Structures are given as structure tokens and as C-alpha cells.
Amino acid sequence: MRNLILIITLIFLSSCAAKKNYLTDLNKIGLLGNVKYLKFINQNNEEREPADSNEEPGYIDNEYFFNKNGMITEQRQYISNELSQIFVFSYDNKNFLISKEYYNSEREIVTKSMFENKLNNKGKLYRQMEFRAWEKSLSDSTKVQYRIFPEEIIEFLYDNNGKLSQQKHYQSNTSFKYVIEYQDKRITKATTVDLIDNGIWSSTPYDCLKFDQNQNCIKYKDTGVKIEYYK
């Protein structure tokens, strides 16, 4: 389920408000309990030759580390079991995502982003924008300069009970958006939509095949899930 990895990665770009009922990263993927660690494991792990010279061989796995507030602090991405990229997330004292740092496998910084968060009149996050840094400014951490146009925009929609019902992800230089739908606090479907004519490019339902003791999904069709909890 390659789309699952992409959608979950997009979800971890955002974080919400300050009070006890704030929306956590765990909420966004329908996880319950005090999750400490999460890893998605591609079940189709057989090595294969690329179809052409432009295609990368192997498979991608992702693992995530959470703080006790339910927010992602670090993501590690592997290609064919080799560490490829590391992403580090930082929050303010109200649990708003404020920055993201991108590292290579040697933990050398590649780039970083800052985030702008917008709240609606009910105090809920309804829009979040990621602004990527100009690479040449990274040499002086006190004078990092950021682009004026966002790399990504995420919109949050809520139902009449104030529960998250949809997320919409817009990325720069693309002609489509990702729409994530929720029901009973769980992701039910992810859809790729054309921005020009609203045509559907792809639609992926999320049907769990196996749950753990906390009722968190630990197996999808071709993706395994490893979860560890705070004690």
C-alpha cells in the first residue's frame, strides 16, 4: 500500500492547538493510547531490478518517534533497510508545529522549514503553511531566510461536533491535492484530486486486517505496523 506511506508522511507535517482537547498527530492517524514509537513496514520486500534507469530499486519504510503529548518528534525513512533521510520536528509550548529540519543519513542538515498556523473563531487549527528555507542561508543559523511562498498548505475541516473530518494537502508545483477523510476518529479513505477539473486520480480505502490490544491497526493489505507504547 504505497499510498499509505505517502499519506501518513503528509499527515506528520502538521500539529494543532494548546488545550487538553488539541488535535495530536496520533489523532490524525486514528491511534489510541500513549504511543511512543510507530513503524510502517512494506510487506513486498523482495529486491527487484528497476524497470528503467530513472527508477529507484528497493522499497521504503518509515518509522516515527512521539513525545508524551502525542506529537511526532522524529521521522526516519529507509530505502531497502538503509537509512535514507531523517526529519526532526519542533513545537512551541502550545504544541504548535513551528519547525522541521531535514537531514541526510549522516545527520548532516540538508534544509529546514518554518510553519505558520491559522486558527478559526473556535480556536481550532484550520490552515497550516510550510515555508522552506533558502539553502544558501543555512550556513548561519541566526540568519536563516525562508521563501515567501509556501512549500505546502494543509487545510483542516471539522464536523458539527468539532471532530476532524477531512484534511486537504496542497503542494507547490503540483496540479493535484490529497484529501484524507475520517470517520469515528479513523482514516477511512485518501483521494488524489485534480485541481483543474476536480477529477479523481486515485482513491485508497483504509481497511484494517488486524488490531492490537489497544484497538490500533497493526496490519493493512500489504503494510505491517509496529507500535510501542509508553509504560
Protein backbone atom coordinates (compact mmCIF):
# COMPACT_ATOMS: atom_id res chain seq x y z
CA MET A 1 0.00 0.00 0.00
CA ARG A 2 2.45 2.62 -1.26
CA ASN A 3 -0.16 5.42 -0.93
CA LEU A 4 -0.44 4.70 2.81
CA ILE A 5 3.19 5.65 3.38
CA LEU A 6 2.78 8.88 1.40
CA ILE A 7 -0.40 9.95 3.17
CA ILE A 8 0.96 9.18 6.63
CA THR A 9 4.10 11.16 5.80
CA LEU A 10 1.96 14.13 4.82
CA ILE A 11 -0.04 13.87 8.00
CA PHE A 12 3.08 14.26 10.12
CA LEU A 13 3.76 17.69 8.63
CA SER A 14 1.15 19.26 10.91
CA SER A 15 0.27 19.82 14.58
CA CYS A 16 -2.54 21.55 16.44
CA ALA A 17 -3.68 23.58 19.38
CA ALA A 18 -2.87 24.06 23.01
CA LYS A 19 -5.53 22.75 25.38
CA LYS A 20 -6.23 19.21 26.53
CA ASN A 21 -8.54 18.65 23.60
CA TYR A 22 -5.99 19.70 20.98
CA LEU A 23 -5.63 17.52 17.92
CA THR A 24 -2.49 15.40 18.14
CA ASP A 25 -0.54 13.60 15.46
CA LEU A 26 -1.84 10.36 16.98
CA ASN A 27 -5.41 11.57 16.48
CA LYS A 28 -4.71 12.30 12.83
CA ILE A 29 -3.93 8.67 12.05
CA GLY A 30 -6.51 7.17 14.39
CA LEU A 31 -4.12 5.85 17.02
CA LEU A 32 -5.25 5.31 20.61
CA GLY A 33 -3.22 5.20 23.81
CA ASN A 34 0.21 6.53 24.72
CA VAL A 35 2.09 5.62 21.56
CA LYS A 36 5.85 6.04 21.77
CA TYR A 37 7.01 4.50 18.50
CA LEU A 38 5.43 3.62 15.16
CA LYS A 39 6.86 1.92 12.10
CA PHE A 40 5.24 1.08 8.77
CA ILE A 41 6.79 -1.97 7.12
CA ASN A 42 6.28 -2.69 3.43
CA GLN A 43 5.38 -6.36 3.10
CA ASN A 44 6.59 -6.51 -0.52
CA ASN A 45 10.23 -6.50 0.48
CA GLU A 46 11.65 -8.52 -2.39
CA GLU A 47 14.50 -6.74 -4.12
CA ARG A 48 13.86 -6.13 -7.79
CA GLU A 49 15.65 -4.60 -10.74
CA PRO A 50 14.40 -1.14 -11.76
CA ALA A 51 12.27 -1.06 -14.90
CA ASP A 52 14.41 1.74 -16.33
CA SER A 53 17.44 3.80 -15.40
CA ASN A 54 15.31 6.54 -13.79
CA GLU A 55 13.54 4.23 -11.33
CA GLU A 56 14.94 3.61 -7.87
CA PRO A 57 15.11 -0.03 -6.76
CA GLY A 58 14.01 -1.26 -3.37
CA TYR A 59 11.19 -0.29 -1.01
CA ILE A 60 10.53 2.48 1.50
CA ASP A 61 9.81 2.01 5.22
CA ASN A 62 9.17 4.82 7.72
CA GLU A 63 9.44 4.94 11.49
CA TYR A 64 8.26 7.67 13.87
CA PHE A 65 9.04 8.69 17.45
CA PHE A 66 6.43 10.50 19.58
CA ASN A 67 6.66 12.66 22.67
CA LYS A 68 4.21 12.19 25.54
CA ASN A 69 1.96 14.90 24.10
CA GLY A 70 1.24 12.67 21.12
CA MET A 71 3.36 14.72 18.71
CA ILE A 72 5.89 13.33 16.28
CA THR A 73 9.43 14.41 17.15
CA GLU A 74 11.47 12.45 14.62
CA GLN A 75 10.84 10.50 11.44
CA ARG A 76 13.38 8.14 9.86
CA GLN A 77 12.99 6.93 6.30
CA TYR A 78 14.65 3.78 4.98
CA ILE A 79 15.11 2.52 1.42
CA SER A 80 15.72 -1.23 1.30
CA ASN A 81 16.61 -1.16 5.03
CA GLU A 82 19.24 1.55 4.51
CA LEU A 83 18.68 4.84 6.36
CA SER A 84 17.95 7.49 3.75
CA GLN A 85 16.55 10.62 5.44
CA ILE A 86 15.80 11.98 8.91
CA PHE A 87 13.22 14.64 9.76
CA VAL A 88 13.16 16.41 13.14
CA PHE A 89 10.07 18.33 14.31
CA SER A 90 9.92 21.12 16.93
CA TYR A 91 6.94 22.61 18.76
CA ASP A 92 6.17 25.64 20.88
CA ASN A 93 4.71 25.43 24.39
CA LYS A 94 1.19 25.25 22.92
CA ASN A 95 2.01 22.18 20.82
CA PHE A 96 2.04 24.08 17.54
CA LEU A 97 4.49 22.77 14.98
CA ILE A 98 6.98 25.58 14.38
CA SER A 99 9.89 24.00 12.50
CA LYS A 100 11.08 20.93 10.64
CA GLU A 101 14.70 20.05 9.90
CA TYR A 102 15.76 17.75 7.07
CA TYR A 103 18.91 15.60 7.44
CA ASN A 104 20.65 13.04 5.27
CA SER A 105 21.64 9.59 6.52
CA GLU A 106 24.83 11.02 8.06
CA ARG A 107 22.75 13.50 10.10
CA GLU A 108 24.04 16.43 8.08
CA ILE A 109 21.39 19.11 7.70
CA VAL A 110 20.04 19.50 4.17
CA THR A 111 17.35 22.11 4.67
CA LYS A 112 14.72 23.29 7.15
CA SER A 113 11.25 24.79 7.25
CA MET A 114 9.19 27.13 9.41
CA PHE A 115 5.41 26.87 9.85
CA GLU A 116 2.58 29.39 10.03
CA ASN A 117 -0.62 28.27 11.82
CA LYS A 118 -4.08 29.81 11.39
CA LEU A 119 -6.95 29.28 13.86
CA ASN A 120 -10.68 29.62 13.22
CA ASN A 121 -13.08 31.52 15.51
CA LYS A 122 -13.44 28.41 17.68
CA GLY A 123 -9.72 28.23 18.33
CA LYS A 124 -9.14 25.24 16.08
CA LEU A 125 -6.37 24.99 13.54
CA TYR A 126 -7.84 25.33 10.06
CA ARG A 127 -4.77 26.07 7.95
CA GLN A 128 -1.06 25.39 8.23
CA MET A 129 1.66 26.51 5.81
CA GLU A 130 5.23 25.24 5.48
CA PHE A 131 7.89 27.69 4.26
CA ARG A 132 11.16 26.13 3.11
CA ALA A 133 14.47 27.85 3.83
CA TRP A 134 16.80 29.14 1.15
CA GLU A 135 19.59 26.55 1.19
CA LYS A 136 22.36 29.15 0.94
CA SER A 137 21.22 30.76 4.20
CA LEU A 138 21.65 27.58 6.29
CA SER A 139 25.32 28.23 6.96
CA ASP A 140 24.36 30.85 9.57
CA SER A 141 21.58 29.55 11.82
CA THR A 142 20.90 33.05 13.19
CA LYS A 143 20.13 34.45 9.73
CA VAL A 144 18.16 31.70 8.01
CA GLN A 145 15.96 33.13 5.26
CA TYR A 146 12.70 31.50 4.18
CA ARG A 147 10.85 31.55 0.89
CA ILE A 148 7.80 33.81 0.68
CA PHE A 149 5.61 31.15 -0.98
CA PRO A 150 4.69 28.00 0.97
CA GLU A 151 6.00 24.59 0.05
CA GLU A 152 2.79 23.03 1.31
CA ILE A 153 -0.61 24.15 2.60
CA ILE A 154 -2.75 21.90 4.80
CA GLU A 155 -6.42 22.67 5.47
CA PHE A 156 -8.39 21.07 8.31
CA LEU A 157 -12.17 20.60 8.21
CA TYR A 158 -14.33 19.67 11.20
CA ASP A 159 -17.84 18.25 11.60
CA ASN A 160 -20.61 19.81 13.69
CA ASN A 161 -19.23 18.12 16.81
CA GLY A 162 -15.80 19.65 16.33
CA LYS A 163 -14.17 16.39 15.24
CA LEU A 164 -11.70 16.30 12.37
CA SER A 165 -13.50 15.18 9.21
CA GLN A 166 -11.02 15.98 6.43
CA GLN A 167 -7.51 17.12 5.70
CA LYS A 168 -6.59 18.67 2.36
CA HIS A 169 -2.93 18.85 1.32
CA TYR A 170 -1.71 21.19 -1.41
CA GLN A 171 1.92 21.05 -2.54
CA SER A 172 3.79 23.60 -4.62
CA ASN A 173 4.40 22.89 -8.30
CA THR A 174 1.71 20.21 -8.46
CA SER A 175 -1.72 20.20 -10.09
CA PHE A 176 -3.47 17.99 -7.54
CA LYS A 177 -4.40 17.79 -3.86
CA TYR A 178 -4.59 14.95 -1.34
CA VAL A 179 -7.84 14.60 0.60
CA ILE A 180 -7.89 12.47 3.75
CA GLU A 181 -11.29 11.51 5.17
CA TYR A 182 -12.15 10.45 8.73
CA GLN A 183 -14.96 8.58 10.44
CA ASP A 184 -15.09 7.66 14.14
CA LYS A 185 -11.58 9.15 14.58
CA ARG A 186 -10.05 6.86 11.96
CA ILE A 187 -8.84 7.42 8.42
CA THR A 188 -11.31 5.83 6.04
CA LYS A 189 -10.09 6.99 2.63
CA ALA A 190 -7.38 9.01 0.89
CA THR A 191 -8.05 10.54 -2.51
CA THR A 192 -5.87 12.34 -5.05
CA VAL A 193 -7.90 15.05 -6.82
CA ASP A 194 -7.08 17.11 -9.90
CA LEU A 195 -7.14 20.84 -9.06
CA ILE A 196 -8.27 21.85 -12.54
CA ASP A 197 -11.40 19.75 -13.05
CA ASN A 198 -11.78 18.03 -9.63
CA GLY A 199 -11.31 14.67 -11.33
CA ILE A 200 -10.17 11.79 -9.11
CA TRP A 201 -6.73 10.42 -9.96
CA SER A 202 -6.78 7.71 -7.31
CA SER A 203 -8.73 6.69 -4.23
CA THR A 204 -7.49 4.36 -1.49
CA PRO A 205 -9.76 2.90 1.21
CA TYR A 206 -8.11 2.00 4.52
CA ASP A 207 -9.32 -1.37 5.69
CA CYS A 208 -7.52 -2.76 8.72
CA LEU A 209 -6.90 -6.52 8.76
CA LYS A 210 -5.65 -6.83 12.35
CA PHE A 211 -5.84 -4.76 15.57
CA ASP A 212 -3.69 -4.86 18.70
CA GLN A 213 -4.91 -4.86 22.32
CA ASN A 214 -5.42 -1.06 22.20
CA GLN A 215 -7.53 -1.34 19.05
CA ASN A 216 -4.82 0.20 16.90
CA CYS A 217 -4.33 -1.22 13.43
CA ILE A 218 -1.18 -3.32 13.04
CA LYS A 219 -1.79 -4.77 9.58
CA TYR A 220 -3.12 -3.45 6.27
CA LYS A 221 -3.23 -5.34 2.97
CA ASP A 222 0.50 -5.12 2.18
CA THR A 223 1.76 -2.99 5.06
CA GLY A 224 2.63 -4.13 8.56
CA VAL A 225 2.61 -1.75 11.54
CA LYS A 226 4.83 -1.98 14.62
CA ILE A 227 3.69 0.04 17.66
CA GLU A 228 5.34 0.58 21.05
CA TYR A 229 3.70 2.38 23.98
CA TYR A 230 4.84 4.49 26.92
CA LYS A 231 4.54 2.50 30.14
